[in-house]
PDB file of all heavy atoms in Angstrom:
ATOM      1  N   LEU A   1       0.836  -1.196   0.000  1.00  0.00           N
ATOM      2  CA  LEU A   1       0.000   0.000   0.000  1.00  0.00           C
ATOM      3  C   LEU A   1       0.871   1.246   0.000  1.00  0.00           C
ATOM      4  O   LEU A   1       1.917   1.286   0.652  1.00  0.00           O
ATOM      5  CB  LEU A   1      -0.921   0.027   1.220  1.00  0.00           C
ATOM      6  CG  LEU A   1      -1.902  -1.136   1.387  1.00  0.00           C
ATOM      7  CD1 LEU A   1      -2.731  -0.948   2.660  1.00  0.00           C
ATOM      8  CD2 LEU A   1      -2.808  -1.264   0.175  1.00  0.00           C
ATOM      9  N   SER A   2       0.403   2.262  -0.693  1.00  0.00           N
ATOM     10  CA  SER A   2       1.064   3.569  -0.686  1.00  0.00           C
ATOM     11  C   SER A   2      -0.012   4.632  -0.503  1.00  0.00           C
ATOM     12  O   SER A   2      -1.207   4.340  -0.515  1.00  0.00           O
ATOM     13  CB  SER A   2       1.842   3.790  -1.992  1.00  0.00           C
ATOM     14  OG  SER A   2       0.965   3.722  -3.117  1.00  0.00           O
ATOM     15  N   GLY A   3       0.422   5.873  -0.311  1.00  0.00           N
ATOM     16  CA  GLY A   3      -0.536   6.947  -0.083  1.00  0.00           C
ATOM     17  C   GLY A   3      -0.872   7.088   1.380  1.00  0.00           C
ATOM     18  O   GLY A   3       0.024   7.106   2.231  1.00  0.00           O
ATOM     19  N   ASP A   4      -2.171   7.164   1.696  1.00  0.00           N
ATOM     20  CA  ASP A   4      -2.605   7.335   3.081  1.00  0.00           C
ATOM     21  C   ASP A   4      -2.245   6.125   3.939  1.00  0.00           C
ATOM     22  O   ASP A   4      -2.150   4.989   3.437  1.00  0.00           O
ATOM     23  CB  ASP A   4      -4.125   7.560   3.137  1.00  0.00           C
ATOM     24  CG  ASP A   4      -4.524   8.904   2.555  1.00  0.00           C
ATOM     25  OD1 ASP A   4      -3.625   9.707   2.273  1.00  0.00           O
ATOM     26  OD2 ASP A   4      -5.737   9.130   2.386  1.00  0.00           O
ATOM     27  N   ASP A   5      -2.064   6.380   5.221  1.00  0.00           N
ATOM     28  CA  ASP A   5      -1.704   5.328   6.168  1.00  0.00           C
ATOM     29  C   ASP A   5      -2.841   4.318   6.270  1.00  0.00           C
ATOM     30  O   ASP A   5      -3.991   4.680   6.558  1.00  0.00           O
ATOM     31  CB  ASP A   5      -1.421   5.951   7.532  1.00  0.00           C
ATOM     32  CG  ASP A   5      -0.834   4.948   8.503  1.00  0.00           C
ATOM     33  OD1 ASP A   5      -0.366   3.888   8.050  1.00  0.00           O
ATOM     34  OD2 ASP A   5      -0.840   5.234   9.719  1.00  0.00           O
ATOM     35  N   ALA A   6      -2.535   3.049   6.047  1.00  0.00           N
ATOM     36  CA  ALA A   6      -3.549   1.993   6.073  1.00  0.00           C
ATOM     37  C   ALA A   6      -2.857   0.651   6.179  1.00  0.00           C
ATOM     38  O   ALA A   6      -1.637   0.543   5.991  1.00  0.00           O
ATOM     39  CB  ALA A   6      -4.426   2.049   4.822  1.00  0.00           C
ATOM     40  N   GLU A   7      -3.639  -0.386   6.479  1.00  0.00           N
ATOM     41  CA  GLU A   7      -3.084  -1.738   6.523  1.00  0.00           C
ATOM     42  C   GLU A   7      -4.086  -2.727   5.949  1.00  0.00           C
ATOM     43  O   GLU A   7      -5.304  -2.527   6.031  1.00  0.00           O
ATOM     44  CB  GLU A   7      -2.708  -2.131   7.945  1.00  0.00           C
ATOM     45  CG  GLU A   7      -3.872  -2.265   8.904  1.00  0.00           C
ATOM     46  CD  GLU A   7      -3.438  -2.814  10.244  1.00  0.00           C
ATOM     47  OE1 GLU A   7      -2.599  -3.720  10.259  1.00  0.00           O
ATOM     48  OE2 GLU A   7      -3.965  -2.337  11.269  1.00  0.00           O
ATOM     49  N   VAL A   8      -3.561  -3.797   5.363  1.00  0.00           N
ATOM     50  CA  VAL A   8      -4.395  -4.848   4.784  1.00  0.00           C
ATOM     51  C   VAL A   8      -4.779  -5.831   5.881  1.00  0.00           C
ATOM     52  O   VAL A   8      -3.914  -6.307   6.631  1.00  0.00           O
ATOM     53  CB  VAL A   8      -3.648  -5.575   3.654  1.00  0.00           C
ATOM     54  CG1 VAL A   8      -4.509  -6.696   3.083  1.00  0.00           C
ATOM     55  CG2 VAL A   8      -3.245  -4.594   2.571  1.00  0.00           C
ATOM     56  N   THR A   9      -6.070  -6.123   5.987  1.00  0.00           N
ATOM     57  CA  THR A   9      -6.539  -7.048   7.020  1.00  0.00           C
ATOM     58  C   THR A   9      -7.028  -8.381   6.462  1.00  0.00           C
ATOM     59  O   THR A   9      -7.137  -9.355   7.198  1.00  0.00           O
ATOM     60  CB  THR A   9      -7.683  -6.408   7.828  1.00  0.00           C
ATOM     61  OG1 THR A   9      -8.772  -6.093   6.946  1.00  0.00           O
ATOM     62  CG2 THR A   9      -7.211  -5.139   8.524  1.00  0.00           C
ATOM     63  N   ASP A  10      -7.293  -8.425   5.128  1.00  0.00           N
ATOM     64  CA  ASP A  10      -7.779  -9.693   4.563  1.00  0.00           C
ATOM     65  C   ASP A  10      -7.615  -9.674   3.043  1.00  0.00           C
ATOM     66  O   ASP A  10      -7.757  -8.620   2.401  1.00  0.00           O
ATOM     67  CB  ASP A  10      -9.250  -9.916   4.911  1.00  0.00           C
ATOM     68  CG  ASP A  10      -9.755 -11.270   4.426  1.00  0.00           C
ATOM     69  OD1 ASP A  10      -9.263 -12.297   4.940  1.00  0.00           O
ATOM     70  OD2 ASP A  10     -10.611 -11.298   3.526  1.00  0.00           O
ATOM     71  N   VAL A  11      -7.299 -10.847   2.476  1.00  0.00           N
ATOM     72  CA  VAL A  11      -7.235 -11.045   1.031  1.00  0.00           C
ATOM     73  C   VAL A  11      -7.972 -12.338   0.707  1.00  0.00           C
ATOM     74  O   VAL A  11      -7.687 -13.380   1.308  1.00  0.00           O
ATOM     75  CB  VAL A  11      -5.771 -11.131   0.535  1.00  0.00           C
ATOM     76  CG1 VAL A  11      -5.739 -11.488  -0.950  1.00  0.00           C
ATOM     77  CG2 VAL A  11      -5.041  -9.827   0.778  1.00  0.00           C
ATOM     78  N   SER A  12      -8.918 -12.265  -0.223  1.00  0.00           N
ATOM     79  CA  SER A  12      -9.670 -13.467  -0.594  1.00  0.00           C
ATOM     80  C   SER A  12      -9.928 -13.472  -2.100  1.00  0.00           C
ATOM     81  O   SER A  12     -10.239 -12.434  -2.692  1.00  0.00           O
ATOM     82  CB  SER A  12     -10.993 -13.545   0.168  1.00  0.00           C
ATOM     83  OG  SER A  12     -11.816 -12.430  -0.138  1.00  0.00           O
ATOM     84  N   ARG A  13      -9.794 -14.641  -2.708  1.00  0.00           N
ATOM     85  CA  ARG A  13     -10.000 -14.792  -4.154  1.00  0.00           C
ATOM     86  C   ARG A  13     -11.357 -15.448  -4.391  1.00  0.00           C
ATOM     87  O   ARG A  13     -11.592 -16.576  -3.964  1.00  0.00           O
ATOM     88  CB  ARG A  13      -8.878 -15.630  -4.759  1.00  0.00           C
ATOM     89  CG  ARG A  13      -8.830 -15.576  -6.277  1.00  0.00           C
ATOM     90  CD  ARG A  13      -7.714 -16.443  -6.837  1.00  0.00           C
ATOM     91  NE  ARG A  13      -8.036 -17.873  -6.769  1.00  0.00           N
ATOM     92  CZ  ARG A  13      -7.476 -18.800  -7.530  1.00  0.00           C
ATOM     93  NH1 ARG A  13      -6.531 -18.465  -8.400  1.00  0.00           N
ATOM     94  NH2 ARG A  13      -7.808 -20.072  -7.403  1.00  0.00           N
ATOM     95  N   SER A  14     -12.266 -14.733  -5.085  1.00  0.00           N
ATOM     96  CA  SER A  14     -13.583 -15.293  -5.378  1.00  0.00           C
ATOM     97  C   SER A  14     -13.568 -16.117  -6.664  1.00  0.00           C
ATOM     98  O   SER A  14     -14.437 -16.966  -6.875  1.00  0.00           O
ATOM     99  CB  SER A  14     -14.629 -14.175  -5.485  1.00  0.00           C
ATOM    100  OG  SER A  14     -14.253 -13.214  -6.458  1.00  0.00           O
ATOM    101  N   SER A  15     -12.592 -15.838  -7.535  1.00  0.00           N
ATOM    102  CA  SER A  15     -12.374 -16.632  -8.751  1.00  0.00           C
ATOM    103  C   SER A  15     -10.951 -16.343  -9.235  1.00  0.00           C
ATOM    104  O   SER A  15     -10.243 -15.516  -8.655  1.00  0.00           O
ATOM    105  CB  SER A  15     -13.394 -16.269  -9.833  1.00  0.00           C
ATOM    106  OG  SER A  15     -13.176 -14.956 -10.316  1.00  0.00           O
ATOM    107  N   ARG A  16     -10.546 -17.012 -10.310  1.00  0.00           N
ATOM    108  CA  ARG A  16      -9.197 -16.777 -10.834  1.00  0.00           C
ATOM    109  C   ARG A  16      -9.004 -15.316 -11.222  1.00  0.00           C
ATOM    110  O   ARG A  16      -7.898 -14.772 -11.114  1.00  0.00           O
ATOM    111  CB  ARG A  16      -8.958 -17.667 -12.063  1.00  0.00           C
ATOM    112  CG  ARG A  16      -8.615 -19.113 -11.736  1.00  0.00           C
ATOM    113  CD  ARG A  16      -8.637 -19.957 -13.009  1.00  0.00           C
ATOM    114  NE  ARG A  16      -7.834 -19.405 -14.095  1.00  0.00           N
ATOM    115  CZ  ARG A  16      -6.560 -19.732 -14.345  1.00  0.00           C
ATOM    116  NH1 ARG A  16      -5.942 -20.585 -13.550  1.00  0.00           N
ATOM    117  NH2 ARG A  16      -5.928 -19.207 -15.372  1.00  0.00           N
ATOM    118  N   SER A  17     -10.077 -14.662 -11.639  1.00  0.00           N
ATOM    119  CA  SER A  17      -9.947 -13.308 -12.179  1.00  0.00           C
ATOM    120  C   SER A  17     -10.407 -12.216 -11.217  1.00  0.00           C
ATOM    121  O   SER A  17     -10.328 -11.037 -11.553  1.00  0.00           O
ATOM    122  CB  SER A  17     -10.746 -13.188 -13.488  1.00  0.00           C
ATOM    123  OG  SER A  17     -12.130 -13.418 -13.248  1.00  0.00           O
ATOM    124  N   ARG A  18     -10.919 -12.585 -10.015  1.00  0.00           N
ATOM    125  CA  ARG A  18     -11.421 -11.570  -9.079  1.00  0.00           C
ATOM    126  C   ARG A  18     -10.805 -11.777  -7.696  1.00  0.00           C
ATOM    127  O   ARG A  18     -10.766 -12.897  -7.173  1.00  0.00           O
ATOM    128  CB  ARG A  18     -12.947 -11.601  -8.974  1.00  0.00           C
ATOM    129  CG  ARG A  18     -13.627 -11.117 -10.246  1.00  0.00           C
ATOM    130  CD  ARG A  18     -15.144 -11.094 -10.112  1.00  0.00           C
ATOM    131  NE  ARG A  18     -15.604 -10.064  -9.187  1.00  0.00           N
ATOM    132  CZ  ARG A  18     -15.763  -8.789  -9.525  1.00  0.00           C
ATOM    133  NH1 ARG A  18     -15.479  -8.372 -10.749  1.00  0.00           N
ATOM    134  NH2 ARG A  18     -16.222  -7.922  -8.631  1.00  0.00           N
ATOM    135  N   LEU A  19     -10.352 -10.648  -7.135  1.00  0.00           N
ATOM    136  CA  LEU A  19      -9.703 -10.681  -5.827  1.00  0.00           C
ATOM    137  C   LEU A  19     -10.279  -9.560  -4.968  1.00  0.00           C
ATOM    138  O   LEU A  19     -10.480  -8.431  -5.443  1.00  0.00           O
ATOM    139  CB  LEU A  19      -8.190 -10.482  -5.985  1.00  0.00           C
ATOM    140  CG  LEU A  19      -7.347 -10.644  -4.710  1.00  0.00           C
ATOM    141  CD1 LEU A  19      -7.218 -12.131  -4.366  1.00  0.00           C
ATOM    142  CD2 LEU A  19      -5.963 -10.015  -4.910  1.00  0.00           C
ATOM    143  N   ARG A  20     -10.540  -9.868  -3.700  1.00  0.00           N
ATOM    144  CA  ARG A  20     -11.013  -8.860  -2.750  1.00  0.00           C
ATOM    145  C   ARG A  20      -9.933  -8.585  -1.704  1.00  0.00           C
ATOM    146  O   ARG A  20      -9.395  -9.508  -1.096  1.00  0.00           O
ATOM    147  CB  ARG A  20     -12.293  -9.325  -2.054  1.00  0.00           C
ATOM    148  CG  ARG A  20     -13.534  -9.230  -2.937  1.00  0.00           C
ATOM    149  CD  ARG A  20     -14.779  -9.602  -2.162  1.00  0.00           C
ATOM    150  NE  ARG A  20     -15.987  -9.397  -2.953  1.00  0.00           N
ATOM    151  CZ  ARG A  20     -17.212  -9.681  -2.532  1.00  0.00           C
ATOM    152  NH1 ARG A  20     -17.379 -10.181  -1.310  1.00  0.00           N
ATOM    153  NH2 ARG A  20     -18.248  -9.467  -3.324  1.00  0.00           N
ATOM    154  N   VAL A  21      -9.656  -7.310  -1.516  1.00  0.00           N
ATOM    155  CA  VAL A  21      -8.664  -6.877  -0.533  1.00  0.00           C
ATOM    156  C   VAL A  21      -9.370  -5.970   0.478  1.00  0.00           C
ATOM    157  O   VAL A  21      -9.965  -4.954   0.092  1.00  0.00           O
ATOM    158  CB  VAL A  21      -7.502  -6.118  -1.201  1.00  0.00           C
ATOM    159  CG1 VAL A  21      -6.496  -5.669  -0.150  1.00  0.00           C
ATOM    160  CG2 VAL A  21      -6.837  -6.980  -2.259  1.00  0.00           C
ATOM    161  N   THR A  22      -9.321  -6.330   1.752  1.00  0.00           N
ATOM    162  CA  THR A  22      -9.929  -5.511   2.804  1.00  0.00           C
ATOM    163  C   THR A  22      -8.842  -4.700   3.486  1.00  0.00           C
ATOM    164  O   THR A  22      -7.813  -5.239   3.904  1.00  0.00           O
ATOM    165  CB  THR A  22     -10.658  -6.384   3.841  1.00  0.00           C
ATOM    166  OG1 THR A  22     -11.650  -7.177   3.162  1.00  0.00           O
ATOM    167  CG2 THR A  22     -11.351  -5.514   4.881  1.00  0.00           C
ATOM    168  N   ILE A  23      -9.091  -3.390   3.599  1.00  0.00           N
ATOM    169  CA  ILE A  23      -8.088  -2.452   4.108  1.00  0.00           C
ATOM    170  C   ILE A  23      -8.686  -1.671   5.273  1.00  0.00           C
ATOM    171  O   ILE A  23      -9.843  -1.242   5.218  1.00  0.00           O
ATOM    172  CB  ILE A  23      -7.648  -1.477   2.995  1.00  0.00           C
ATOM    173  CG1 ILE A  23      -7.005  -2.259   1.842  1.00  0.00           C
ATOM    174  CG2 ILE A  23      -6.700  -0.416   3.534  1.00  0.00           C
ATOM    175  CD1 ILE A  23      -6.779  -1.418   0.607  1.00  0.00           C
ATOM    176  N   ARG A  24      -7.903  -1.495   6.337  1.00  0.00           N
ATOM    177  CA  ARG A  24      -8.303  -0.658   7.462  1.00  0.00           C
ATOM    178  C   ARG A  24      -7.486   0.631   7.431  1.00  0.00           C
ATOM    179  O   ARG A  24      -6.258   0.596   7.516  1.00  0.00           O
ATOM    180  CB  ARG A  24      -8.123  -1.381   8.786  1.00  0.00           C
ATOM    181  CG  ARG A  24      -8.598  -0.552   9.994  1.00  0.00           C
ATOM    182  CD  ARG A  24      -8.658  -1.373  11.261  1.00  0.00           C
ATOM    183  NE  ARG A  24      -7.346  -1.854  11.653  1.00  0.00           N
ATOM    184  CZ  ARG A  24      -7.092  -3.086  12.082  1.00  0.00           C
ATOM    185  NH1 ARG A  24      -8.061  -3.968  12.175  1.00  0.00           N
ATOM    186  NH2 ARG A  24      -5.870  -3.443  12.446  1.00  0.00           N
ATOM    187  N   LEU A  25      -8.185   1.766   7.323  1.00  0.00           N
ATOM    188  CA  LEU A  25      -7.498   3.052   7.339  1.00  0.00           C
ATOM    189  C   LEU A  25      -7.075   3.411   8.756  1.00  0.00           C
ATOM    190  O   LEU A  25      -7.592   2.863   9.732  1.00  0.00           O
ATOM    191  CB  LEU A  25      -8.409   4.141   6.771  1.00  0.00           C
ATOM    192  CG  LEU A  25      -8.944   3.917   5.346  1.00  0.00           C
ATOM    193  CD1 LEU A  25      -9.725   5.145   4.883  1.00  0.00           C
ATOM    194  CD2 LEU A  25      -7.809   3.613   4.379  1.00  0.00           C
ATOM    195  N   ALA A  26      -6.161   4.344   8.870  1.00  0.00           N
ATOM    196  CA  ALA A  26      -5.668   4.767  10.180  1.00  0.00           C
ATOM    197  C   ALA A  26      -6.794   5.419  10.981  1.00  0.00           C
ATOM    198  O   ALA A  26      -7.758   5.969  10.433  1.00  0.00           O
ATOM    199  CB  ALA A  26      -4.501   5.735  10.016  1.00  0.00           C
ATOM    200  N   GLU A  27      -6.660   5.357  12.296  1.00  0.00           N
ATOM    201  CA  GLU A  27      -7.646   5.949  13.196  1.00  0.00           C
ATOM    202  C   GLU A  27      -7.796   7.444  12.915  1.00  0.00           C
ATOM    203  O   GLU A  27      -6.815   8.175  12.777  1.00  0.00           O
ATOM    204  CB  GLU A  27      -7.198   5.723  14.640  1.00  0.00           C
ATOM    205  CG  GLU A  27      -8.110   6.328  15.686  1.00  0.00           C
ATOM    206  CD  GLU A  27      -7.598   6.064  17.086  1.00  0.00           C
ATOM    207  OE1 GLU A  27      -7.211   4.905  17.359  1.00  0.00           O
ATOM    208  OE2 GLU A  27      -7.557   7.009  17.899  1.00  0.00           O
ATOM    209  N   LEU A  28      -9.049   7.898  12.825  1.00  0.00           N
ATOM    210  CA  LEU A  28      -9.304   9.307  12.557  1.00  0.00           C
ATOM    211  C   LEU A  28      -8.982  10.145  13.780  1.00  0.00           C
ATOM    212  O   LEU A  28      -9.297   9.769  14.907  1.00  0.00           O
ATOM    213  CB  LEU A  28     -10.775   9.513  12.165  1.00  0.00           C
ATOM    214  CG  LEU A  28     -11.268   8.748  10.933  1.00  0.00           C
ATOM    215  CD1 LEU A  28     -12.746   9.042  10.692  1.00  0.00           C
ATOM    216  CD2 LEU A  28     -10.452   9.111   9.706  1.00  0.00           C
ATOM    217  N   THR A  29      -8.362  11.271  13.569  1.00  0.00           N
ATOM    218  CA  THR A  29      -8.032  12.187  14.656  1.00  0.00           C
ATOM    219  C   THR A  29      -8.508  13.584  14.300  1.00  0.00           C
ATOM    220  O   THR A  29      -8.900  13.860  13.160  1.00  0.00           O
ATOM    221  CB  THR A  29      -6.506  12.230  14.909  1.00  0.00           C
ATOM    222  OG1 THR A  29      -5.864  12.827  13.771  1.00  0.00           O
ATOM    223  CG2 THR A  29      -5.957  10.825  15.128  1.00  0.00           C
TER     224      THR A  29
END
């Protein structure tokens, strides 16, 4: 990841051609 502060919490493949990436952004202040 680049840009805003964030981290990846999950990666799952629904098919060979589709991928889901779940990202948690930094705590809002």
